[in-house]
Structure formats: C-alpha cells, structure tokens
Amino acid sequence: MSSFDLSELYKVIKDRKGGDPETSYTAKLFYKGRNKIAQKFGEEAVEVVIDYIDNKKKGVIGESADLIYHLLVLWADMGIKPNDVMDELHNRKGMSGIDEKNSRNKKEKNG
C-alpha cells in the first residue's frame, strides 16, 4: 500500500500555484485559469469512462490518477481543501444515497 496520500499531493499542487508556467505543468494550469482547469478535469473524466467501458483496468487506473490530480487542482484553485470534502462525506455517513440526494434537492428548491 502506498504511503502517498491526497493531502501530500494537494500540498505540492498548492505550492506550485503562482510558480513558473514554463517549468511546471501545475503552474501552467493555474496560469491558464478556471476554464482550462475545468476542461482538463472534464477530459480526464471522459478518458476514465472510455477505459471503463472498454474494460481497460490499467487505463482506468492511470486515467483515474490524472482525474484525481486535476480534481485537486480544481479544488486548490477554489480554496477547497481535501478535508472539506472528507468532512462532507463524513456528514453523509449513515444516510442512504437516495435520502442524501433528496435532501439536496429540497435545499436547492428552498434556497
């Protein structure tokens, strides 16, 4: 099992924000802005789906790593920390997915 975790990767990503876009892919993503970050995240999500449909396990693993990396870039750009998302997941613990979705739908209608 790997000792590398999302918090470590997130820290590396945050440290590269504002860096030289000529020497860092991560810095280049931040430099290009929100639309580019969203585009790359979407592309990686599609690649995961394609490899999943084609039953390419190694492809899904590799593309999932790319997807997670780009998700963390997206989070970092918005100031969202991995623990923010983990806390949200913890708040949903013990709640069925259907109940959780229904509660979000009610909040959206009322808010």
C-alpha atoms as a PDB file:
ATOM      1  CA  MET A   1       0.000   0.000   0.000  1.00  0.00           C
ATOM      2  CA  SER A   2       1.242   3.469  -0.889  1.00  0.00           C
ATOM      3  CA  SER A   3       2.156   5.934   1.821  1.00  0.00           C
ATOM      4  CA  PHE A   4       1.385   8.829  -0.543  1.00  0.00           C
ATOM      5  CA  ASP A   5      -1.943  10.498   0.138  1.00  0.00           C
ATOM      6  CA  LEU A   6      -4.182  13.212  -1.274  1.00  0.00           C
ATOM      7  CA  SER A   7      -3.069  15.749   1.323  1.00  0.00           C
ATOM      8  CA  GLU A   8       0.539  15.432   0.175  1.00  0.00           C
ATOM      9  CA  LEU A   9      -0.420  15.812  -3.477  1.00  0.00           C
ATOM     10  CA  TYR A  10      -2.658  18.771  -2.599  1.00  0.00           C
ATOM     11  CA  LYS A  11       0.249  20.473  -0.805  1.00  0.00           C
ATOM     12  CA  VAL A  12       2.506  20.018  -3.844  1.00  0.00           C
ATOM     13  CA  ILE A  13      -0.221  21.470  -6.067  1.00  0.00           C
ATOM     14  CA  LYS A  14      -0.786  24.463  -3.752  1.00  0.00           C
ATOM     15  CA  ASP A  15       2.974  25.076  -3.571  1.00  0.00           C
ATOM     16  CA  ARG A  16       3.139  25.304  -7.366  1.00  0.00           C
ATOM     17  CA  LYS A  17       0.331  27.849  -7.633  1.00  0.00           C
ATOM     18  CA  GLY A  18       1.935  31.081  -8.805  1.00  0.00           C
ATOM     19  CA  GLY A  19       5.031  29.218  -9.958  1.00  0.00           C
ATOM     20  CA  ASP A  20       6.688  29.442 -13.346  1.00  0.00           C
ATOM     21  CA  PRO A  21       4.310  28.132 -16.042  1.00  0.00           C
ATOM     22  CA  GLU A  22       7.339  27.431 -18.240  1.00  0.00           C
ATOM     23  CA  THR A  23       8.732  24.866 -15.804  1.00  0.00           C
ATOM     24  CA  SER A  24       5.629  23.455 -14.060  1.00  0.00           C
ATOM     25  CA  TYR A  25       2.543  21.905 -15.648  1.00  0.00           C
ATOM     26  CA  THR A  26       0.607  22.653 -12.466  1.00  0.00           C
ATOM     27  CA  ALA A  27       1.656  26.312 -12.512  1.00  0.00           C
ATOM     28  CA  LYS A  28       0.675  26.434 -16.188  1.00  0.00           C
ATOM     29  CA  LEU A  29      -2.835  25.177 -15.368  1.00  0.00           C
ATOM     30  CA  PHE A  30      -3.275  27.860 -12.712  1.00  0.00           C
ATOM     31  CA  TYR A  31      -1.883  30.481 -15.082  1.00  0.00           C
ATOM     32  CA  LYS A  32      -4.321  29.487 -17.832  1.00  0.00           C
ATOM     33  CA  GLY A  33      -7.195  29.779 -15.402  1.00  0.00           C
ATOM     34  CA  ARG A  34     -10.522  28.307 -14.472  1.00  0.00           C
ATOM     35  CA  ASN A  35     -11.704  27.350 -17.973  1.00  0.00           C
ATOM     36  CA  LYS A  36      -8.523  25.359 -18.699  1.00  0.00           C
ATOM     37  CA  ILE A  37      -8.651  23.631 -15.304  1.00  0.00           C
ATOM     38  CA  ALA A  38     -12.292  22.665 -15.891  1.00  0.00           C
ATOM     39  CA  GLN A  39     -11.528  21.495 -19.431  1.00  0.00           C
ATOM     40  CA  LYS A  40      -8.679  19.236 -18.276  1.00  0.00           C
ATOM     41  CA  PHE A  41     -10.805  17.777 -15.466  1.00  0.00           C
ATOM     42  CA  GLY A  42     -13.599  17.016 -17.940  1.00  0.00           C
ATOM     43  CA  GLU A  43     -11.214  15.424 -20.429  1.00  0.00           C
ATOM     44  CA  GLU A  44      -9.774  13.135 -17.766  1.00  0.00           C
ATOM     45  CA  ALA A  45     -13.260  12.138 -16.582  1.00  0.00           C
ATOM     46  CA  VAL A  46     -14.211  11.164 -20.127  1.00  0.00           C
ATOM     47  CA  GLU A  47     -10.987   9.153 -20.506  1.00  0.00           C
ATOM     48  CA  VAL A  48     -11.774   7.220 -17.308  1.00  0.00           C
ATOM     49  CA  VAL A  49     -15.254   6.425 -18.630  1.00  0.00           C
ATOM     50  CA  ILE A  50     -13.938   5.296 -22.025  1.00  0.00           C
ATOM     51  CA  ASP A  51     -11.365   2.959 -20.468  1.00  0.00           C
ATOM     52  CA  TYR A  52     -14.007   1.644 -18.064  1.00  0.00           C
ATOM     53  CA  ILE A  53     -16.404   0.873 -20.909  1.00  0.00           C
ATOM     54  CA  ASP A  54     -13.552  -0.792 -22.822  1.00  0.00           C
ATOM     55  CA  ASN A  55     -12.704  -2.829 -19.681  1.00  0.00           C
ATOM     56  CA  LYS A  56      -9.117  -1.493 -19.604  1.00  0.00           C
ATOM     57  CA  LYS A  57      -8.192  -1.800 -15.944  1.00  0.00           C
ATOM     58  CA  LYS A  58      -4.694  -0.296 -16.300  1.00  0.00           C
ATOM     59  CA  GLY A  59      -6.157   2.540 -18.332  1.00  0.00           C
ATOM     60  CA  VAL A  60      -8.761   3.248 -15.652  1.00  0.00           C
ATOM     61  CA  ILE A  61      -6.027   3.288 -13.003  1.00  0.00           C
ATOM     62  CA  GLY A  62      -3.824   5.679 -14.952  1.00  0.00           C
ATOM     63  CA  GLU A  63      -6.638   7.955 -16.048  1.00  0.00           C
ATOM     64  CA  SER A  64      -8.071   7.940 -12.518  1.00  0.00           C
ATOM     65  CA  ALA A  65      -4.727   9.222 -11.237  1.00  0.00           C
ATOM     66  CA  ASP A  66      -4.920  12.023 -13.823  1.00  0.00           C
ATOM     67  CA  LEU A  67      -8.539  12.728 -12.858  1.00  0.00           C
ATOM     68  CA  ILE A  68      -7.741  12.947  -9.148  1.00  0.00           C
ATOM     69  CA  TYR A  69      -4.764  15.226  -9.841  1.00  0.00           C
ATOM     70  CA  HIS A  70      -6.906  17.576 -11.936  1.00  0.00           C
ATOM     71  CA  LEU A  71      -9.678  17.494  -9.311  1.00  0.00           C
ATOM     72  CA  LEU A  72      -7.163  18.587  -6.681  1.00  0.00           C
ATOM     73  CA  VAL A  73      -6.012  21.421  -8.962  1.00  0.00           C
ATOM     74  CA  LEU A  74      -9.661  22.486  -9.302  1.00  0.00           C
ATOM     75  CA  TRP A  75     -10.112  22.348  -5.523  1.00  0.00           C
ATOM     76  CA  ALA A  76      -6.890  24.284  -4.901  1.00  0.00           C
ATOM     77  CA  ASP A  77      -7.977  26.974  -7.331  1.00  0.00           C
ATOM     78  CA  MET A  78     -11.206  27.422  -5.334  1.00  0.00           C
ATOM     79  CA  GLY A  79      -9.548  27.155  -1.922  1.00  0.00           C
ATOM     80  CA  ILE A  80     -11.238  23.832  -1.193  1.00  0.00           C
ATOM     81  CA  LYS A  81      -9.135  21.508   0.964  1.00  0.00           C
ATOM     82  CA  PRO A  82      -9.363  17.707   0.798  1.00  0.00           C
ATOM     83  CA  ASN A  83     -10.597  17.730   4.408  1.00  0.00           C
ATOM     84  CA  ASP A  84     -13.520  19.951   3.370  1.00  0.00           C
ATOM     85  CA  VAL A  85     -14.685  17.159   1.075  1.00  0.00           C
ATOM     86  CA  MET A  86     -13.900  14.446   3.626  1.00  0.00           C
ATOM     87  CA  ASP A  87     -15.977  16.345   6.196  1.00  0.00           C
ATOM     88  CA  GLU A  88     -18.890  16.462   3.740  1.00  0.00           C
ATOM     89  CA  LEU A  89     -18.589  12.712   3.174  1.00  0.00           C
ATOM     90  CA  HIS A  90     -18.486  12.185   6.942  1.00  0.00           C
ATOM     91  CA  ASN A  91     -21.675  14.238   7.317  1.00  0.00           C
ATOM     92  CA  ARG A  92     -23.373  11.876   4.875  1.00  0.00           C
ATOM     93  CA  LYS A  93     -22.243   8.756   6.731  1.00  0.00           C
ATOM     94  CA  GLY A  94     -25.152   6.529   7.637  1.00  0.00           C
ATOM     95  CA  MET A  95     -27.502   8.302   5.242  1.00  0.00           C
ATOM     96  CA  SER A  96     -28.738   6.460   2.191  1.00  0.00           C
ATOM     97  CA  GLY A  97     -27.714   7.947  -1.134  1.00  0.00           C
ATOM     98  CA  ILE A  98     -31.359   8.418  -2.041  1.00  0.00           C
ATOM     99  CA  ASP A  99     -32.092  10.317   1.195  1.00  0.00           C
ATOM    100  CA  GLU A 100     -28.977  12.460   0.757  1.00  0.00           C
ATOM    101  CA  LYS A 101     -29.902  13.368  -2.813  1.00  0.00           C
ATOM    102  CA  ASN A 102     -33.477  14.174  -1.791  1.00  0.00           C
ATOM    103  CA  SER A 103     -32.211  16.466   0.991  1.00  0.00           C
ATOM    104  CA  ARG A 104     -30.037  18.344  -1.538  1.00  0.00           C
ATOM    105  CA  ASN A 105     -32.988  18.689  -3.907  1.00  0.00           C
ATOM    106  CA  LYS A 106     -35.116  20.173  -1.093  1.00  0.00           C
ATOM    107  CA  LYS A 107     -32.333  22.632  -0.185  1.00  0.00           C
ATOM    108  CA  GLU A 108     -31.999  23.718  -3.825  1.00  0.00           C
ATOM    109  CA  LYS A 109     -35.753  24.313  -4.142  1.00  0.00           C
ATOM    110  CA  ASN A 110     -35.907  26.261  -0.866  1.00  0.00           C
ATOM    111  CA  GLY A 111     -32.640  28.130  -1.148  1.00  0.00           C
END
